């Protein structure tokens, strides 16, 4: 699981966003949770309807918001869906070939949120070298 964590979230970017956003971080992360869930649902709904045009904006939004929090694989998957949906619009094709990517989008989104939740929950035990200390490379500094 630790290997997946390193792949799904760039903790240096996550930590930098957390520091930059300060006291508003948890609130903004909550917006990401809500907006991201809505975007994923809209992409899924558009796929079921065969409406490539309706996939573009939610995939685009998810791509940008994911990058802010260091969720690179989620952003890349959303970007792949966005690009393919745009091509479908241009060629007037239905986006049925995107089923595997859209299924993966839900899975990656849920796993990524789980990692964010675990990192932000003060009741969860932290592993050595993980999170803020691990991301900054300062194992010997106690931030409290």
Protein backbone atom coordinates (compact mmCIF):
# COMPACT_ATOMS: atom_id res chain seq x y z
CA UNK A 1 0.00 0.00 0.00
CA UNK A 2 2.85 2.42 0.74
CA UNK A 3 4.03 1.96 -2.84
CA UNK A 4 0.56 2.93 -4.12
CA UNK A 5 0.62 5.97 -1.86
CA UNK A 6 3.82 7.22 -3.44
CA UNK A 7 2.34 6.68 -6.89
CA UNK A 8 -1.09 8.22 -6.25
CA UNK A 9 -0.01 11.31 -4.33
CA UNK A 10 3.09 13.45 -4.56
CA UNK A 11 3.34 14.29 -0.89
CA UNK A 12 5.74 17.18 -1.53
CA UNK A 13 3.09 18.93 -3.62
CA UNK A 14 0.38 18.04 -1.11
CA UNK A 15 2.45 19.44 1.76
CA UNK A 16 3.31 22.59 -0.19
CA UNK A 17 -0.40 23.16 -0.92
CA UNK A 18 -1.20 22.58 2.73
CA UNK A 19 1.37 25.14 3.82
CA UNK A 20 0.38 27.67 1.17
CA UNK A 21 -3.34 27.43 1.91
CA UNK A 22 -2.79 27.50 5.66
CA UNK A 23 -5.93 27.56 7.79
CA UNK A 24 -8.16 27.24 4.72
CA UNK A 25 -6.59 23.99 3.59
CA UNK A 26 -9.13 21.61 5.10
CA UNK A 27 -12.02 23.69 3.79
CA UNK A 28 -10.53 23.79 0.27
CA UNK A 29 -9.79 20.07 0.42
CA UNK A 30 -13.47 19.61 1.29
CA UNK A 31 -14.40 21.56 -1.84
CA UNK A 32 -12.13 19.24 -3.82
CA UNK A 33 -13.93 16.25 -2.33
CA UNK A 34 -17.36 17.64 -3.27
CA UNK A 35 -16.40 19.04 -6.68
CA UNK A 36 -14.34 15.97 -7.53
CA UNK A 37 -17.16 13.58 -6.65
CA UNK A 38 -19.53 15.66 -8.76
CA UNK A 39 -17.07 15.74 -11.66
CA UNK A 40 -16.55 11.98 -11.56
CA UNK A 41 -20.32 11.42 -11.44
CA UNK A 42 -20.86 13.79 -14.36
CA UNK A 43 -18.20 12.00 -16.43
CA UNK A 44 -19.84 8.66 -15.64
CA UNK A 45 -23.30 9.99 -16.49
CA UNK A 46 -22.06 11.50 -19.77
CA UNK A 47 -20.43 8.19 -20.71
CA UNK A 48 -23.68 6.32 -20.06
CA UNK A 49 -25.53 8.87 -22.21
CA UNK A 50 -22.91 8.65 -24.95
CA UNK A 51 -22.37 12.42 -24.68
CA UNK A 52 -18.68 13.17 -25.19
CA UNK A 53 -19.21 16.93 -25.00
CA UNK A 54 -20.62 16.59 -21.47
CA UNK A 55 -17.45 14.77 -20.36
CA UNK A 56 -15.03 17.55 -21.27
CA UNK A 57 -15.69 20.19 -18.59
CA UNK A 58 -15.89 17.91 -15.54
CA UNK A 59 -12.77 16.03 -16.64
CA UNK A 60 -10.99 19.34 -17.19
CA UNK A 61 -12.00 20.64 -13.76
CA UNK A 62 -10.93 17.42 -12.03
CA UNK A 63 -7.58 17.54 -13.82
CA UNK A 64 -6.76 21.01 -12.54
CA UNK A 65 -7.96 20.49 -8.99
CA UNK A 66 -6.12 17.18 -8.70
CA UNK A 67 -2.82 18.76 -9.68
CA UNK A 68 -3.19 21.36 -6.92
CA UNK A 69 -3.12 18.59 -4.29
CA UNK A 70 -0.41 16.45 -5.89
CA UNK A 71 -2.78 13.78 -7.21
CA UNK A 72 -0.86 13.30 -10.47
CA UNK A 73 -2.31 9.96 -11.59
CA UNK A 74 -5.84 11.25 -11.04
CA UNK A 75 -5.02 14.41 -13.03
CA UNK A 76 -3.44 12.37 -15.83
CA UNK A 77 -6.45 10.08 -16.08
CA UNK A 78 -8.82 13.05 -16.15
CA UNK A 79 -6.65 14.65 -18.83
CA UNK A 80 -6.74 11.48 -20.91
CA UNK A 81 -10.53 11.38 -20.66
CA UNK A 82 -10.81 15.08 -21.47
CA UNK A 83 -8.60 14.78 -24.55
CA UNK A 84 -10.36 11.68 -25.84
CA UNK A 85 -13.78 13.27 -25.25
CA UNK A 86 -12.69 16.37 -27.19
CA UNK A 87 -11.58 14.15 -30.08
CA UNK A 88 -14.94 12.37 -29.96
CA UNK A 89 -16.72 15.71 -30.20
CA UNK A 90 -14.59 16.73 -33.18
CA UNK A 91 -15.14 13.44 -35.00
CA UNK A 92 -18.75 13.05 -33.82
CA UNK A 93 -18.05 9.70 -32.21
CA UNK A 94 -19.61 8.26 -29.06
CA UNK A 95 -17.16 7.86 -26.17
CA UNK A 96 -17.88 4.17 -25.48
CA UNK A 97 -14.22 3.26 -25.81
CA UNK A 98 -13.54 5.29 -22.63
CA UNK A 99 -15.28 2.83 -20.31
CA UNK A 100 -12.01 1.47 -18.81
CA UNK A 101 -10.67 4.96 -18.15
CA UNK A 102 -13.91 6.15 -16.56
CA UNK A 103 -14.08 3.07 -14.32
CA UNK A 104 -10.46 3.69 -13.32
CA UNK A 105 -11.26 7.37 -12.67
CA UNK A 106 -13.73 6.45 -9.93
CA UNK A 107 -11.29 3.97 -8.37
CA UNK A 108 -8.32 6.33 -8.41
CA UNK A 109 -10.44 9.21 -7.08
CA UNK A 110 -11.70 7.11 -4.16
CA UNK A 111 -8.23 5.77 -3.29
CA UNK A 112 -6.71 9.25 -3.50
CA UNK A 113 -9.36 10.70 -1.19
CA UNK A 114 -8.70 7.87 1.25
CA UNK A 115 -5.03 8.82 1.35
CA UNK A 116 -5.89 12.50 1.80
CA UNK A 117 -8.27 11.62 4.63
CA UNK A 118 -5.67 9.52 6.36
CA UNK A 119 -3.06 12.24 6.06
CA UNK A 120 -5.39 14.95 7.39
CA UNK A 121 -6.98 12.96 10.22
CA UNK A 122 -5.16 13.82 13.45
CA UNK A 123 -6.23 10.51 15.02
CA UNK A 124 -4.42 8.36 12.46
CA UNK A 125 -0.94 7.17 13.37
CA UNK A 126 1.75 8.45 10.99
CA UNK A 127 4.51 6.29 9.56
CA UNK A 128 8.14 7.38 9.80
CA UNK A 129 9.15 9.17 6.60
CA UNK A 130 5.57 9.75 5.52
CA UNK A 131 3.56 12.93 5.33
CA UNK A 132 4.94 16.29 6.28
CA UNK A 133 8.28 15.15 7.69
CA UNK A 134 8.87 12.61 4.94
CA UNK A 135 7.89 15.04 2.22
CA UNK A 136 10.24 17.72 3.52
CA UNK A 137 13.04 15.27 4.23
CA UNK A 138 13.47 16.38 7.86
CA UNK A 139 13.20 13.21 9.89
CA UNK A 140 14.92 14.74 12.89
CA UNK A 141 12.69 17.81 13.30
CA UNK A 142 9.57 17.59 15.42
CA UNK A 143 7.05 20.10 13.98
CA UNK A 144 5.18 20.34 17.29
